[in-house]
Full PDB file with SEQRES, HELIX, SHEET, SSBOND, CRYST1, ORIGX, SCALE, CONECT and MASTER records, all heavy atoms in Angstrom:
SEQRES   1 A   38  SER ALA LYS ASN THR VAL ASN LEU GLN MET ASN ASN LEU          
SEQRES   2 A   38  LYS PRO GLU ASP THR ALA VAL TYR TYR CYS ALA THR THR          
SEQRES   3 A   38  PRO ALA LEU ARG PRO SER LYS ALA THR LEU SER ASP              
HELIX    1 AA1 PRO A   15  ASP A   17  5                                   3    
HELIX    2 AA2 LYS A   33  THR A   35  5                                   3    
CRYST1    1.000    1.000    1.000  90.00  90.00  90.00 P 1           1          
ORIGX1      1.000000  0.000000  0.000000        0.00000                         
ORIGX2      0.000000  1.000000  0.000000        0.00000                         
ORIGX3      0.000000  0.000000  1.000000        0.00000                         
SCALE1      1.000000  0.000000  0.000000        0.00000                         
SCALE2      0.000000  1.000000  0.000000        0.00000                         
SCALE3      0.000000  0.000000  1.000000        0.00000                         
ATOM      1  N   SER A   1     -14.190  -2.258   0.263  1.00  0.00           N  
ATOM      2  CA  SER A   1     -14.849  -1.446  -0.756  1.00  0.00           C  
ATOM      3  C   SER A   1     -16.034  -0.657  -0.172  1.00  0.00           C  
ATOM      4  O   SER A   1     -16.307   0.472  -0.595  1.00  0.00           O  
ATOM      5  CB  SER A   1     -15.334  -2.319  -1.913  1.00  0.00           C  
ATOM      6  OG  SER A   1     -14.220  -2.923  -2.560  1.00  0.00           O  
ATOM      7  N   ALA A   2     -16.717  -1.238   0.773  1.00  0.00           N  
ATOM      8  CA  ALA A   2     -17.892  -0.562   1.350  1.00  0.00           C  
ATOM      9  C   ALA A   2     -17.478   0.739   2.044  1.00  0.00           C  
ATOM     10  O   ALA A   2     -18.246   1.697   2.069  1.00  0.00           O  
ATOM     11  CB  ALA A   2     -18.571  -1.504   2.338  1.00  0.00           C  
ATOM     12  N   LYS A   3     -16.258   0.744   2.634  1.00  0.00           N  
ATOM     13  CA  LYS A   3     -15.776   1.930   3.333  1.00  0.00           C  
ATOM     14  C   LYS A   3     -14.812   2.733   2.493  1.00  0.00           C  
ATOM     15  O   LYS A   3     -14.294   3.748   2.950  1.00  0.00           O  
ATOM     16  CB  LYS A   3     -15.086   1.511   4.627  1.00  0.00           C  
ATOM     17  CG  LYS A   3     -16.010   0.839   5.624  1.00  0.00           C  
ATOM     18  CD  LYS A   3     -15.272   0.467   6.892  1.00  0.00           C  
ATOM     19  CE  LYS A   3     -16.182  -0.186   7.910  1.00  0.00           C  
ATOM     20  NZ  LYS A   3     -15.484  -0.572   9.165  1.00  0.00           N  
ATOM     21  N   ASN A   4     -14.559   2.281   1.262  1.00  0.00           N  
ATOM     22  CA  ASN A   4     -13.602   2.950   0.380  1.00  0.00           C  
ATOM     23  C   ASN A   4     -12.268   3.112   1.064  1.00  0.00           C  
ATOM     24  O   ASN A   4     -11.641   4.207   1.026  1.00  0.00           O  
ATOM     25  CB  ASN A   4     -14.135   4.277  -0.100  1.00  0.00           C  
ATOM     26  CG  ASN A   4     -13.691   4.611  -1.516  1.00  0.00           C  
ATOM     27  OD1 ASN A   4     -13.462   3.713  -2.326  1.00  0.00           O  
ATOM     28  ND2 ASN A   4     -13.595   5.896  -1.830  1.00  0.00           N  
ATOM     29  N   THR A   5     -11.803   2.036   1.673  1.00  0.00           N  
ATOM     30  CA  THR A   5     -10.606   2.054   2.514  1.00  0.00           C  
ATOM     31  C   THR A   5      -9.684   0.912   2.131  1.00  0.00           C  
ATOM     32  O   THR A   5     -10.144  -0.168   1.801  1.00  0.00           O  
ATOM     33  CB  THR A   5     -11.014   1.933   3.999  1.00  0.00           C  
ATOM     34  OG1 THR A   5     -11.792   3.078   4.367  1.00  0.00           O  
ATOM     35  CG2 THR A   5      -9.795   1.851   4.894  1.00  0.00           C  
ATOM     36  N   VAL A   6      -8.401   1.195   2.201  1.00  0.00           N  
ATOM     37  CA  VAL A   6      -7.387   0.150   2.080  1.00  0.00           C  
ATOM     38  C   VAL A   6      -6.615   0.094   3.376  1.00  0.00           C  
ATOM     39  O   VAL A   6      -6.261   1.124   3.942  1.00  0.00           O  
ATOM     40  CB  VAL A   6      -6.431   0.468   0.912  1.00  0.00           C  
ATOM     41  CG1 VAL A   6      -5.256  -0.503   0.915  1.00  0.00           C  
ATOM     42  CG2 VAL A   6      -7.155   0.375  -0.398  1.00  0.00           C  
ATOM     43  N   ASN A   7      -6.405  -1.125   3.849  1.00  0.00           N  
ATOM     44  CA  ASN A   7      -5.760  -1.342   5.136  1.00  0.00           C  
ATOM     45  C   ASN A   7      -4.405  -2.044   4.957  1.00  0.00           C  
ATOM     46  O   ASN A   7      -4.220  -2.803   3.984  1.00  0.00           O  
ATOM     47  CB  ASN A   7      -6.645  -2.201   6.027  1.00  0.00           C  
ATOM     48  CG  ASN A   7      -7.986  -1.550   6.290  1.00  0.00           C  
ATOM     49  OD1 ASN A   7      -8.046  -0.386   6.730  1.00  0.00           O  
ATOM     50  ND2 ASN A   7      -9.065  -2.274   6.017  1.00  0.00           N  
ATOM     51  N   LEU A   8      -3.525  -1.783   5.879  1.00  0.00           N  
ATOM     52  CA  LEU A   8      -2.243  -2.486   5.951  1.00  0.00           C  
ATOM     53  C   LEU A   8      -2.118  -3.032   7.350  1.00  0.00           C  
ATOM     54  O   LEU A   8      -1.869  -2.262   8.313  1.00  0.00           O  
ATOM     55  CB  LEU A   8      -1.073  -1.582   5.592  1.00  0.00           C  
ATOM     56  CG  LEU A   8       0.287  -2.267   5.548  1.00  0.00           C  
ATOM     57  CD1 LEU A   8       0.344  -3.241   4.367  1.00  0.00           C  
ATOM     58  CD2 LEU A   8       1.419  -1.259   5.465  1.00  0.00           C  
ATOM     59  N   GLN A   9      -2.299  -4.316   7.512  1.00  0.00           N  
ATOM     60  CA  GLN A   9      -2.107  -4.984   8.799  1.00  0.00           C  
ATOM     61  C   GLN A   9      -0.642  -5.334   8.950  1.00  0.00           C  
ATOM     62  O   GLN A   9      -0.098  -6.045   8.093  1.00  0.00           O  
ATOM     63  CB  GLN A   9      -2.961  -6.243   8.886  1.00  0.00           C  
ATOM     64  CG  GLN A   9      -2.807  -7.004  10.174  1.00  0.00           C  
ATOM     65  CD  GLN A   9      -3.311  -6.228  11.386  1.00  0.00           C  
ATOM     66  OE1 GLN A   9      -4.350  -5.581  11.319  1.00  0.00           O  
ATOM     67  NE2 GLN A   9      -2.563  -6.299  12.483  1.00  0.00           N  
ATOM     68  N   MET A  10      -0.018  -4.837   9.996  1.00  0.00           N  
ATOM     69  CA  MET A  10       1.411  -5.046  10.213  1.00  0.00           C  
ATOM     70  C   MET A  10       1.620  -5.821  11.503  1.00  0.00           C  
ATOM     71  O   MET A  10       1.290  -5.299  12.585  1.00  0.00           O  
ATOM     72  CB  MET A  10       2.137  -3.685  10.267  1.00  0.00           C  
ATOM     73  CG  MET A  10       1.880  -2.821   9.050  1.00  0.00           C  
ATOM     74  SD  MET A  10       2.874  -1.313   9.036  1.00  0.00           S  
ATOM     75  CE  MET A  10       2.237  -0.493  10.495  1.00  0.00           C  
ATOM     76  N   ASN A  11       2.130  -7.024  11.403  1.00  0.00           N  
ATOM     77  CA  ASN A  11       2.383  -7.880  12.548  1.00  0.00           C  
ATOM     78  C   ASN A  11       3.854  -8.117  12.726  1.00  0.00           C  
ATOM     79  O   ASN A  11       4.657  -7.932  11.790  1.00  0.00           O  
ATOM     80  CB  ASN A  11       1.657  -9.216  12.366  1.00  0.00           C  
ATOM     81  CG  ASN A  11       0.160  -9.064  12.259  1.00  0.00           C  
ATOM     82  OD1 ASN A  11      -0.442  -8.199  12.881  1.00  0.00           O  
ATOM     83  ND2 ASN A  11      -0.455  -9.934  11.476  1.00  0.00           N  
ATOM     84  N   ASN A  12       4.217  -8.540  13.923  1.00  0.00           N  
ATOM     85  CA  ASN A  12       5.623  -8.833  14.231  1.00  0.00           C  
ATOM     86  C   ASN A  12       6.526  -7.686  13.778  1.00  0.00           C  
ATOM     87  O   ASN A  12       7.535  -7.906  13.076  1.00  0.00           O  
ATOM     88  CB  ASN A  12       6.069 -10.139  13.567  1.00  0.00           C  
ATOM     89  CG  ASN A  12       7.406 -10.617  14.052  1.00  0.00           C  
ATOM     90  OD1 ASN A  12       7.887 -10.218  15.129  1.00  0.00           O  
ATOM     91  ND2 ASN A  12       8.049 -11.449  13.258  1.00  0.00           N  
ATOM     92  N   LEU A  13       6.180  -6.495  14.192  1.00  0.00           N  
ATOM     93  CA  LEU A  13       6.940  -5.320  13.750  1.00  0.00           C  
ATOM     94  C   LEU A  13       8.351  -5.314  14.289  1.00  0.00           C  
ATOM     95  O   LEU A  13       8.624  -5.804  15.393  1.00  0.00           O  
ATOM     96  CB  LEU A  13       6.190  -4.052  14.176  1.00  0.00           C  
ATOM     97  CG  LEU A  13       4.998  -3.700  13.299  1.00  0.00           C  
ATOM     98  CD1 LEU A  13       4.041  -2.762  14.026  1.00  0.00           C  
ATOM     99  CD2 LEU A  13       5.454  -3.074  11.985  1.00  0.00           C  
ATOM    100  N   LYS A  14       9.243  -4.760  13.483  1.00  0.00           N  
ATOM    101  CA  LYS A  14      10.665  -4.699  13.819  1.00  0.00           C  
ATOM    102  C   LYS A  14      11.107  -3.215  13.830  1.00  0.00           C  
ATOM    103  O   LYS A  14      10.469  -2.402  13.145  1.00  0.00           O  
ATOM    104  CB  LYS A  14      11.480  -5.450  12.787  1.00  0.00           C  
ATOM    105  CG  LYS A  14      11.065  -6.912  12.637  1.00  0.00           C  
ATOM    106  CD  LYS A  14      11.863  -7.582  11.529  1.00  0.00           C  
ATOM    107  CE  LYS A  14      11.456  -9.050  11.370  1.00  0.00           C  
ATOM    108  NZ  LYS A  14      12.251  -9.746  10.308  1.00  0.00           N  
ATOM    109  N   PRO A  15      12.151  -2.899  14.568  1.00  0.00           N  
ATOM    110  CA  PRO A  15      12.638  -1.497  14.579  1.00  0.00           C  
ATOM    111  C   PRO A  15      12.911  -0.957  13.195  1.00  0.00           C  
ATOM    112  O   PRO A  15      12.690   0.239  12.933  1.00  0.00           O  
ATOM    113  CB  PRO A  15      13.895  -1.580  15.429  1.00  0.00           C  
ATOM    114  CG  PRO A  15      13.641  -2.729  16.351  1.00  0.00           C  
ATOM    115  CD  PRO A  15      12.883  -3.735  15.534  1.00  0.00           C  
ATOM    116  N   GLU A  16      13.339  -1.805  12.278  1.00  0.00           N  
ATOM    117  CA  GLU A  16      13.652  -1.347  10.920  1.00  0.00           C  
ATOM    118  C   GLU A  16      12.378  -1.011  10.114  1.00  0.00           C  
ATOM    119  O   GLU A  16      12.479  -0.506   9.004  1.00  0.00           O  
ATOM    120  CB  GLU A  16      14.493  -2.366  10.160  1.00  0.00           C  
ATOM    121  CG  GLU A  16      13.950  -3.767  10.167  1.00  0.00           C  
ATOM    122  CD  GLU A  16      14.588  -4.624  11.255  1.00  0.00           C  
ATOM    123  OE1 GLU A  16      14.772  -4.110  12.395  1.00  0.00           O  
ATOM    124  OE2 GLU A  16      14.881  -5.809  10.970  1.00  0.00           O  
ATOM    125  N   ASP A  17      11.210  -1.318  10.663  1.00  0.00           N  
ATOM    126  CA  ASP A  17       9.955  -0.903  10.021  1.00  0.00           C  
ATOM    127  C   ASP A  17       9.585   0.550  10.357  1.00  0.00           C  
ATOM    128  O   ASP A  17       8.626   1.097   9.803  1.00  0.00           O  
ATOM    129  CB  ASP A  17       8.795  -1.797  10.476  1.00  0.00           C  
ATOM    130  CG  ASP A  17       8.950  -3.224  10.025  1.00  0.00           C  
ATOM    131  OD1 ASP A  17       9.367  -3.455   8.859  1.00  0.00           O  
ATOM    132  OD2 ASP A  17       8.669  -4.134  10.828  1.00  0.00           O  
ATOM    133  N   THR A  18      10.345   1.161  11.236  1.00  0.00           N  
ATOM    134  CA  THR A  18      10.086   2.562  11.602  1.00  0.00           C  
ATOM    135  C   THR A  18      10.240   3.473  10.406  1.00  0.00           C  
ATOM    136  O   THR A  18      11.266   3.439   9.715  1.00  0.00           O  
ATOM    137  CB  THR A  18      11.067   3.001  12.711  1.00  0.00           C  
ATOM    138  OG1 THR A  18      10.811   2.248  13.896  1.00  0.00           O  
ATOM    139  CG2 THR A  18      10.908   4.487  13.014  1.00  0.00           C  
ATOM    140  N   ALA A  19       9.199   4.237  10.131  1.00  0.00           N  
ATOM    141  CA  ALA A  19       9.183   5.111   8.951  1.00  0.00           C  
ATOM    142  C   ALA A  19       7.874   5.906   8.945  1.00  0.00           C  
ATOM    143  O   ALA A  19       6.948   5.604   9.724  1.00  0.00           O  
ATOM    144  CB  ALA A  19       9.293   4.305   7.670  1.00  0.00           C  
ATOM    145  N   VAL A  20       7.798   6.858   8.034  1.00  0.00           N  
ATOM    146  CA  VAL A  20       6.506   7.446   7.696  1.00  0.00           C  
ATOM    147  C   VAL A  20       5.912   6.622   6.571  1.00  0.00           C  
ATOM    148  O   VAL A  20       6.559   6.372   5.548  1.00  0.00           O  
ATOM    149  CB  VAL A  20       6.657   8.915   7.254  1.00  0.00           C  
ATOM    150  CG1 VAL A  20       5.276   9.487   6.841  1.00  0.00           C  
ATOM    151  CG2 VAL A  20       7.263   9.762   8.360  1.00  0.00           C  
ATOM    152  N   TYR A  21       4.693   6.169   6.769  1.00  0.00           N  
ATOM    153  CA  TYR A  21       4.004   5.304   5.811  1.00  0.00           C  
ATOM    154  C   TYR A  21       3.016   6.159   4.984  1.00  0.00           C  
ATOM    155  O   TYR A  21       2.202   6.899   5.556  1.00  0.00           O  
ATOM    156  CB  TYR A  21       3.303   4.172   6.522  1.00  0.00           C  
ATOM    157  CG  TYR A  21       4.238   3.090   6.951  1.00  0.00           C  
ATOM    158  CD1 TYR A  21       5.138   3.293   7.996  1.00  0.00           C  
ATOM    159  CD2 TYR A  21       4.264   1.853   6.310  1.00  0.00           C  
ATOM    160  CE1 TYR A  21       6.044   2.308   8.374  1.00  0.00           C  
ATOM    161  CE2 TYR A  21       5.133   0.849   6.692  1.00  0.00           C  
ATOM    162  CZ  TYR A  21       6.020   1.077   7.719  1.00  0.00           C  
ATOM    163  OH  TYR A  21       6.922   0.095   8.091  1.00  0.00           O  
ATOM    164  N   TYR A  22       3.102   5.974   3.675  1.00  0.00           N  
ATOM    165  CA  TYR A  22       2.257   6.737   2.746  1.00  0.00           C  
ATOM    166  C   TYR A  22       1.346   5.785   1.948  1.00  0.00           C  
ATOM    167  O   TYR A  22       1.795   4.757   1.463  1.00  0.00           O  
ATOM    168  CB  TYR A  22       3.112   7.522   1.756  1.00  0.00           C  
ATOM    169  CG  TYR A  22       3.956   8.598   2.387  1.00  0.00           C  
ATOM    170  CD1 TYR A  22       5.252   8.323   2.825  1.00  0.00           C  
ATOM    171  CD2 TYR A  22       3.474   9.899   2.536  1.00  0.00           C  
ATOM    172  CE1 TYR A  22       6.061   9.287   3.398  1.00  0.00           C  
ATOM    173  CE2 TYR A  22       4.264  10.886   3.103  1.00  0.00           C  
ATOM    174  CZ  TYR A  22       5.546  10.579   3.533  1.00  0.00           C  
ATOM    175  OH  TYR A  22       6.321  11.550   4.103  1.00  0.00           O  
ATOM    176  N   CYS A  23       0.107   6.193   1.830  1.00  0.00           N  
ATOM    177  CA  CYS A  23      -0.829   5.531   0.953  1.00  0.00           C  
ATOM    178  C   CYS A  23      -0.785   6.204  -0.416  1.00  0.00           C  
ATOM    179  O   CYS A  23      -0.615   7.425  -0.499  1.00  0.00           O  
ATOM    180  CB  CYS A  23      -2.212   5.626   1.579  1.00  0.00           C  
ATOM    181  SG  CYS A  23      -3.574   5.009   0.590  1.00  0.00           S  
ATOM    182  N   ALA A  24      -0.984   5.416  -1.473  1.00  0.00           N  
ATOM    183  CA  ALA A  24      -0.942   5.979  -2.829  1.00  0.00           C  
ATOM    184  C   ALA A  24      -1.891   5.212  -3.731  1.00  0.00           C  
ATOM    185  O   ALA A  24      -2.166   4.033  -3.507  1.00  0.00           O  
ATOM    186  CB  ALA A  24       0.469   5.919  -3.393  1.00  0.00           C  
ATOM    187  N   THR A  25      -2.345   5.905  -4.789  1.00  0.00           N  
ATOM    188  CA  THR A  25      -3.240   5.269  -5.744  1.00  0.00           C  
ATOM    189  C   THR A  25      -2.827   5.648  -7.158  1.00  0.00           C  
ATOM    190  O   THR A  25      -2.201   6.697  -7.378  1.00  0.00           O  
ATOM    191  CB  THR A  25      -4.687   5.652  -5.463  1.00  0.00           C  
ATOM    192  OG1 THR A  25      -5.551   4.896  -6.334  1.00  0.00           O  
ATOM    193  CG2 THR A  25      -4.950   7.138  -5.696  1.00  0.00           C  
ATOM    194  N   THR A  26      -3.218   4.818  -8.099  1.00  0.00           N  
ATOM    195  CA  THR A  26      -2.893   5.016  -9.484  1.00  0.00           C  
ATOM    196  C   THR A  26      -4.063   5.585 -10.273  1.00  0.00           C  
ATOM    197  O   THR A  26      -5.211   5.553  -9.782  1.00  0.00           O  
ATOM    198  CB  THR A  26      -2.495   3.683 -10.151  1.00  0.00           C  
ATOM    199  OG1 THR A  26      -3.675   2.820 -10.119  1.00  0.00           O  
ATOM    200  CG2 THR A  26      -1.374   3.006  -9.398  1.00  0.00           C  
ATOM    201  N   PRO A  27      -3.832   6.032 -11.486  1.00  0.00           N  
ATOM    202  CA  PRO A  27      -4.959   6.310 -12.367  1.00  0.00           C  
ATOM    203  C   PRO A  27      -5.763   5.032 -12.624  1.00  0.00           C  
ATOM    204  O   PRO A  27      -5.291   3.930 -12.338  1.00  0.00           O  
ATOM    205  CB  PRO A  27      -4.271   6.795 -13.659  1.00  0.00           C  
ATOM    206  CG  PRO A  27      -2.929   7.268 -13.211  1.00  0.00           C  
ATOM    207  CD  PRO A  27      -2.549   6.388 -12.060  1.00  0.00           C  
ATOM    208  N   ALA A  28      -6.936   5.180 -13.176  1.00  0.00           N  
ATOM    209  CA  ALA A  28      -7.832   4.032 -13.365  1.00  0.00           C  
ATOM    210  C   ALA A  28      -7.215   2.974 -14.278  1.00  0.00           C  
ATOM    211  O   ALA A  28      -6.510   3.297 -15.240  1.00  0.00           O  
ATOM    212  CB  ALA A  28      -9.152   4.523 -13.954  1.00  0.00           C  
ATOM    213  N   LEU A  29      -7.458   1.725 -13.902  1.00  0.00           N  
ATOM    214  CA  LEU A  29      -7.078   0.551 -14.687  1.00  0.00           C  
ATOM    215  C   LEU A  29      -5.569   0.463 -14.908  1.00  0.00           C  
ATOM    216  O   LEU A  29      -5.120  -0.049 -15.929  1.00  0.00           O  
ATOM    217  CB  LEU A  29      -7.816   0.553 -16.024  1.00  0.00           C  
ATOM    218  CG  LEU A  29      -9.328   0.759 -15.967  1.00  0.00           C  
ATOM    219  CD1 LEU A  29      -9.937   0.725 -17.353  1.00  0.00           C  
ATOM    220  CD2 LEU A  29      -9.960  -0.300 -15.081  1.00  0.00           C  
ATOM    221  N   ARG A  30      -4.814   0.954 -13.966  1.00  0.00           N  
ATOM    222  CA  ARG A  30      -3.368   0.866 -14.021  1.00  0.00           C  
ATOM    223  C   ARG A  30      -2.828   0.374 -12.707  1.00  0.00           C  
ATOM    224  O   ARG A  30      -3.496   0.514 -11.683  1.00  0.00           O  
ATOM    225  CB  ARG A  30      -2.755   2.248 -14.340  1.00  0.00           C  
ATOM    226  CG  ARG A  30      -2.963   2.737 -15.769  1.00  0.00           C  
ATOM    227  CD  ARG A  30      -2.169   3.993 -16.016  1.00  0.00           C  
ATOM    228  NE  ARG A  30      -0.742   3.804 -15.815  1.00  0.00           N  
ATOM    229  CZ  ARG A  30       0.089   3.311 -16.740  1.00  0.00           C  
ATOM    230  NH1 ARG A  30      -0.380   2.995 -17.908  1.00  0.00           N  
ATOM    231  NH2 ARG A  30       1.375   3.187 -16.480  1.00  0.00           N  
ATOM    232  N   PRO A  31      -1.588  -0.101 -12.651  1.00  0.00           N  
ATOM    233  CA  PRO A  31      -0.713  -0.330 -13.769  1.00  0.00           C  
ATOM    234  C   PRO A  31      -0.821  -1.780 -14.221  1.00  0.00           C  
ATOM    235  O   PRO A  31      -1.701  -2.518 -13.782  1.00  0.00           O  
ATOM    236  CB  PRO A  31       0.664  -0.088 -13.151  1.00  0.00           C  
ATOM    237  CG  PRO A  31       0.513  -0.606 -11.759  1.00  0.00           C  
ATOM    238  CD  PRO A  31      -0.912  -0.334 -11.363  1.00  0.00           C  
ATOM    239  N   SER A  32       0.147  -2.188 -15.059  1.00  0.00           N  
ATOM    240  CA  SER A  32       0.266  -3.618 -15.339  1.00  0.00           C  
ATOM    241  C   SER A  32       0.825  -4.304 -14.086  1.00  0.00           C  
ATOM    242  O   SER A  32       1.397  -3.647 -13.214  1.00  0.00           O  
ATOM    243  CB  SER A  32       1.239  -3.863 -16.509  1.00  0.00           C  
ATOM    244  OG  SER A  32       2.563  -3.513 -16.092  1.00  0.00           O  
ATOM    245  N   LYS A  33       0.675  -5.576 -14.007  1.00  0.00           N  
ATOM    246  CA  LYS A  33       1.146  -6.300 -12.819  1.00  0.00           C  
ATOM    247  C   LYS A  33       2.656  -6.184 -12.678  1.00  0.00           C  
ATOM    248  O   LYS A  33       3.201  -6.243 -11.569  1.00  0.00           O  
ATOM    249  CB  LYS A  33       0.692  -7.759 -12.895  1.00  0.00           C  
ATOM    250  CG  LYS A  33      -0.825  -7.888 -12.835  1.00  0.00           C  
ATOM    251  CD  LYS A  33      -1.264  -9.341 -12.968  1.00  0.00           C  
ATOM    252  CE  LYS A  33      -2.807  -9.426 -12.913  1.00  0.00           C  
ATOM    253  NZ  LYS A  33      -3.268 -10.827 -13.064  1.00  0.00           N  
ATOM    254  N   ALA A  34       3.347  -6.004 -13.779  1.00  0.00           N  
ATOM    255  CA  ALA A  34       4.819  -5.968 -13.746  1.00  0.00           C  
ATOM    256  C   ALA A  34       5.350  -4.717 -13.098  1.00  0.00           C  
ATOM    257  O   ALA A  34       6.480  -4.699 -12.615  1.00  0.00           O  
ATOM    258  CB  ALA A  34       5.365  -6.090 -15.175  1.00  0.00           C  
ATOM    259  N   THR A  35       4.557  -3.660 -13.056  1.00  0.00           N  
ATOM    260  CA  THR A  35       5.051  -2.380 -12.539  1.00  0.00           C  
ATOM    261  C   THR A  35       4.290  -1.948 -11.307  1.00  0.00           C  
ATOM    262  O   THR A  35       4.283  -0.758 -10.965  1.00  0.00           O  
ATOM    263  CB  THR A  35       4.982  -1.300 -13.630  1.00  0.00           C  
ATOM    264  OG1 THR A  35       3.625  -1.162 -14.068  1.00  0.00           O  
ATOM    265  CG2 THR A  35       5.876  -1.618 -14.799  1.00  0.00           C  
ATOM    266  N   LEU A  36       3.668  -2.884 -10.623  1.00  0.00           N  
ATOM    267  CA  LEU A  36       2.813  -2.558  -9.477  1.00  0.00           C  
ATOM    268  C   LEU A  36       3.610  -1.901  -8.335  1.00  0.00           C  
ATOM    269  O   LEU A  36       3.042  -1.178  -7.558  1.00  0.00           O  
ATOM    270  CB  LEU A  36       2.148  -3.858  -8.983  1.00  0.00           C  
ATOM    271  CG  LEU A  36       1.024  -3.719  -7.986  1.00  0.00           C  
ATOM    272  CD1 LEU A  36      -0.091  -2.840  -8.495  1.00  0.00           C  
ATOM    273  CD2 LEU A  36       0.493  -5.093  -7.639  1.00  0.00           C  
ATOM    274  N   SER A  37       4.906  -2.160  -8.264  1.00  0.00           N  
ATOM    275  CA  SER A  37       5.706  -1.605  -7.168  1.00  0.00           C  
ATOM    276  C   SER A  37       6.452  -0.323  -7.585  1.00  0.00           C  
ATOM    277  O   SER A  37       7.210   0.213  -6.773  1.00  0.00           O  
ATOM    278  CB  SER A  37       6.739  -2.644  -6.693  1.00  0.00           C  
ATOM    279  OG  SER A  37       7.605  -2.990  -7.739  1.00  0.00           O  
ATOM    280  N   ASP A  38       6.230   0.131  -8.799  1.00  0.00           N  
ATOM    281  CA  ASP A  38       6.971   1.304  -9.274  1.00  0.00           C  
ATOM    282  C   ASP A  38       6.373   2.601  -8.732  1.00  0.00           C  
ATOM    283  O   ASP A  38       5.202   2.902  -8.946  1.00  0.00           O  
ATOM    284  CB  ASP A  38       6.947   1.358 -10.815  1.00  0.00           C  
ATOM    285  CG  ASP A  38       7.822   0.318 -11.441  1.00  0.00           C  
ATOM    286  OD1 ASP A  38       8.427  -0.484 -10.694  1.00  0.00           O  
ATOM    287  OD2 ASP A  38       7.899   0.264 -12.675  1.00  0.00           O  
TER     288      ASP A  38                                                      
MASTER        0    0    0    2    0    0    0    6  287    1    0    3          
END                                                                             
């Protein structure tokens, strides 16, 4: 929070992890826990 940053630590990487990785954010106070991956 101090740096206003979100990190993704990726260990034991596999060839199938190869991709373009995108960061994304929601509107405030969203979503519900049930739709967090939508």
